[in-house]
Each structure stands twice: as structure tokens, then as C-alpha cells.
Amino acid sequence: MKHQEHIVCIPAKLVNKPKSLIPFTTPKSDCWVNYKLETKDIITVQRAVAETTEDFRQVLPLVVFKYKDSVWTYRRTPKGGEGALHGQLSIAVGGHFDATDLQTDGGVIDPVVSLQYALDRELEEEVTIMGGYSIETLDLCLCANENEVDRKHLGLVNIYHMTDSPEIYSNEDALETLG
């Protein structure tokens, strides 16, 4: 069976909210939730199982690269494993938070250190970053509900503000750099 590994998830009920509770929103503004990952919320689920249910949100540490008024963009190619995403444009780099990314202190999961570990691993796999940057961690999480893939994921977003003209290169054939 595909996707035997365990990944970090949270119960979907922690971030799902009925649209009727979202007053005065623009069409895309309801995809953001105020949520901070806490040790008590972390559960590990076999990815093959997590892909079949909306009871969990798979936690995705993500980065958006920004330079002045520009954002680095790429297209997901058919060489990527997630068929529903082929041909889609994206501005966020990152991926699944693996159970092996979990870091503990005295036997207790440290969500901040674990998230950074997962993010560093994902970035090393997916891109090469040339140039300096400062990091901004958003207080809101990407929690879209537009399609089946959206409803199974929760994006914890960081903005990397590039201090120099950015040179970002894809390390994977699954990502086609557009600029």
C-alpha cells in the first residue's frame, strides 16, 4: 500500500468552522483560521489513512518566498505524486510533517522545534535558496475547504522576506519554477 509512513495531524474539529460563523468575509478570506499548534493537539496518523478521511487535518509547514512586491511561483508537474495538484500554480513550498520530524524535550513533543525541523527538511528536499532572508511566521493558518485536498490539510505559513534579489531553484522535477 502507498503512503505507509505516519504524519502529524490534528483533529479537524479544532479548525473547521461552519461558513455561517464567518461574517463579512470575502470569497477567499474564509480559508484562514486563528490556530497555533499545541502539543496536546498533535496526533500521528498513517498517511494512507489520513488521505481517506476529513476527520483529521494533515499539518503542512509552508514557506512563501517574497522579494519586495513579488512572490516566487511554481507549477506542479505530472512528475509529482499528488495527481489532484498537477498543473496547479503554487506560491507555498513545503509538505507533510512526518512523525520522524517530531522533536521532544523530556519526553514531551516541542511543537515549535518540531515544526522548524520539518520545515527545514522539506525546504532542503524541494528548493535551493541563494541569498539572505528574514522569517515572518503568520498568526493565521491556511485552512481551505474548496476541494477534497484542501479539506484534509492545514498550512502553517511562514513568509521568507528575501533581502537580496532572490535566487530560488527547484530541487525536484515535480516543481517547475516560474519566477
Foldseek 3Di string as FASTA:
>chain_A
DPQQFKFKKFFLVVWDDDPVVPPPDDPQPVQKDQDDDDLVGIDIDRVVVLLVDLRIAFEKEKEWEDEDPDTWKWAFDPVDDPVVRHRPMDRIFTDTQGPVLFDDDPPGTDVVSSSVSRRVVRCVQWKDKDAAWDKDWDSIWGQDDPDSNSSRHIYRYMYTHGPDDIDMGTPDPRIGTPD
